[in-house]
């Protein structure tokens, strides 16, 4: 079971990395970075850094939301 989770995490990392490189729109890049961060969580937890995982779980979504609010698109 652990191997399946690690393979899925690596897949999330690769998908997030490729999507971040390919996308040109800043909003798409932020979403791609969120996918990349989601792939990092199991590796942080696997090493036993639960305090770092908790801080990342709280900070990453909030910073993404605030950045999206600041850089919002203007309606045409």
C-alpha atoms as a PDB file:
ATOM      1  CA  UNK A   1       0.000   0.000   0.000  1.00  0.00           C
ATOM      2  CA  UNK A   2       2.811   2.388   0.821  1.00  0.00           C
ATOM      3  CA  UNK A   3       4.374   1.781  -2.599  1.00  0.00           C
ATOM      4  CA  UNK A   4       1.138   2.769  -4.319  1.00  0.00           C
ATOM      5  CA  UNK A   5       1.003   6.026  -2.332  1.00  0.00           C
ATOM      6  CA  UNK A   6       4.631   6.835  -3.163  1.00  0.00           C
ATOM      7  CA  UNK A   7       4.088   6.134  -6.865  1.00  0.00           C
ATOM      8  CA  UNK A   8       1.024   8.406  -6.828  1.00  0.00           C
ATOM      9  CA  UNK A   9       3.064  11.103  -5.057  1.00  0.00           C
ATOM     10  CA  UNK A  10       5.825  10.894  -7.646  1.00  0.00           C
ATOM     11  CA  UNK A  11       3.172  11.128 -10.373  1.00  0.00           C
ATOM     12  CA  UNK A  12       1.775  14.289  -8.719  1.00  0.00           C
ATOM     13  CA  UNK A  13       5.276  15.754  -8.514  1.00  0.00           C
ATOM     14  CA  UNK A  14       5.980  15.089 -12.181  1.00  0.00           C
ATOM     15  CA  UNK A  15       2.571  16.340 -13.341  1.00  0.00           C
ATOM     16  CA  UNK A  16       2.918  19.502 -11.244  1.00  0.00           C
ATOM     17  CA  UNK A  17       6.470  20.102 -12.464  1.00  0.00           C
ATOM     18  CA  UNK A  18       5.611  19.682 -16.144  1.00  0.00           C
ATOM     19  CA  UNK A  19       2.443  21.756 -15.854  1.00  0.00           C
ATOM     20  CA  UNK A  20       4.319  24.562 -14.090  1.00  0.00           C
ATOM     21  CA  UNK A  21       6.963  24.646 -16.809  1.00  0.00           C
ATOM     22  CA  UNK A  22       4.500  24.465 -19.713  1.00  0.00           C
ATOM     23  CA  UNK A  23       1.812  26.899 -18.511  1.00  0.00           C
ATOM     24  CA  UNK A  24       2.251  30.591 -19.227  1.00  0.00           C
ATOM     25  CA  UNK A  25      -0.777  31.907 -17.337  1.00  0.00           C
ATOM     26  CA  UNK A  26       0.089  32.892 -13.733  1.00  0.00           C
ATOM     27  CA  UNK A  27      -3.149  31.396 -12.404  1.00  0.00           C
ATOM     28  CA  UNK A  28      -2.425  28.060 -14.045  1.00  0.00           C
ATOM     29  CA  UNK A  29       1.105  28.162 -12.642  1.00  0.00           C
ATOM     30  CA  UNK A  30      -0.246  28.642  -9.102  1.00  0.00           C
ATOM     31  CA  UNK A  31      -2.580  25.698  -9.471  1.00  0.00           C
ATOM     32  CA  UNK A  32       0.262  23.592 -10.880  1.00  0.00           C
ATOM     33  CA  UNK A  33       2.449  24.531  -7.935  1.00  0.00           C
ATOM     34  CA  UNK A  34      -0.345  23.435  -5.601  1.00  0.00           C
ATOM     35  CA  UNK A  35      -0.365  20.041  -7.311  1.00  0.00           C
ATOM     36  CA  UNK A  36       3.412  19.913  -6.890  1.00  0.00           C
ATOM     37  CA  UNK A  37       3.113  20.686  -3.174  1.00  0.00           C
ATOM     38  CA  UNK A  38       0.474  17.957  -2.814  1.00  0.00           C
ATOM     39  CA  UNK A  39       3.010  15.487  -4.167  1.00  0.00           C
ATOM     40  CA  UNK A  40       5.624  16.586  -1.628  1.00  0.00           C
ATOM     41  CA  UNK A  41       3.456  15.974   1.471  1.00  0.00           C
ATOM     42  CA  UNK A  42       3.852  12.181   1.698  1.00  0.00           C
ATOM     43  CA  UNK A  43       7.633  12.484   1.444  1.00  0.00           C
ATOM     44  CA  UNK A  44       7.702  15.050   4.260  1.00  0.00           C
ATOM     45  CA  UNK A  45       5.485  12.833   6.429  1.00  0.00           C
ATOM     46  CA  UNK A  46       7.497   9.719   5.567  1.00  0.00           C
ATOM     47  CA  UNK A  47      10.625  11.337   7.012  1.00  0.00           C
ATOM     48  CA  UNK A  48       8.787  12.123  10.245  1.00  0.00           C
ATOM     49  CA  UNK A  49       8.632  15.896   9.915  1.00  0.00           C
ATOM     50  CA  UNK A  50       5.021  16.190  11.026  1.00  0.00           C
ATOM     51  CA  UNK A  51       5.475  19.766  12.254  1.00  0.00           C
ATOM     52  CA  UNK A  52       6.767  20.827   8.841  1.00  0.00           C
ATOM     53  CA  UNK A  53       3.917  18.961   7.127  1.00  0.00           C
ATOM     54  CA  UNK A  54       1.368  20.696   9.352  1.00  0.00           C
ATOM     55  CA  UNK A  55       2.859  24.123   8.689  1.00  0.00           C
ATOM     56  CA  UNK A  56       2.995  23.448   4.948  1.00  0.00           C
ATOM     57  CA  UNK A  57      -0.584  22.193   4.954  1.00  0.00           C
ATOM     58  CA  UNK A  58      -1.724  25.443   6.569  1.00  0.00           C
ATOM     59  CA  UNK A  59       0.510  27.920   4.748  1.00  0.00           C
ATOM     60  CA  UNK A  60       0.412  26.609   1.149  1.00  0.00           C
ATOM     61  CA  UNK A  61      -3.354  26.914   0.517  1.00  0.00           C
ATOM     62  CA  UNK A  62      -3.602  30.266   2.289  1.00  0.00           C
ATOM     63  CA  UNK A  63      -0.724  31.752   0.326  1.00  0.00           C
ATOM     64  CA  UNK A  64      -2.260  30.463  -2.910  1.00  0.00           C
ATOM     65  CA  UNK A  65      -5.628  32.027  -2.079  1.00  0.00           C
ATOM     66  CA  UNK A  66      -4.076  35.373  -1.141  1.00  0.00           C
ATOM     67  CA  UNK A  67      -1.907  35.411  -4.259  1.00  0.00           C
ATOM     68  CA  UNK A  68      -4.931  34.673  -6.433  1.00  0.00           C
ATOM     69  CA  UNK A  69      -6.837  37.497  -4.744  1.00  0.00           C
ATOM     70  CA  UNK A  70      -4.003  39.962  -5.345  1.00  0.00           C
ATOM     71  CA  UNK A  71      -3.439  38.926  -8.966  1.00  0.00           C
ATOM     72  CA  UNK A  72      -7.063  38.479  -9.905  1.00  0.00           C
ATOM     73  CA  UNK A  73      -8.163  38.964 -13.482  1.00  0.00           C
ATOM     74  CA  UNK A  74     -10.090  42.040 -14.387  1.00  0.00           C
ATOM     75  CA  UNK A  75     -13.426  41.432 -16.086  1.00  0.00           C
ATOM     76  CA  UNK A  76     -13.485  42.533 -19.732  1.00  0.00           C
END
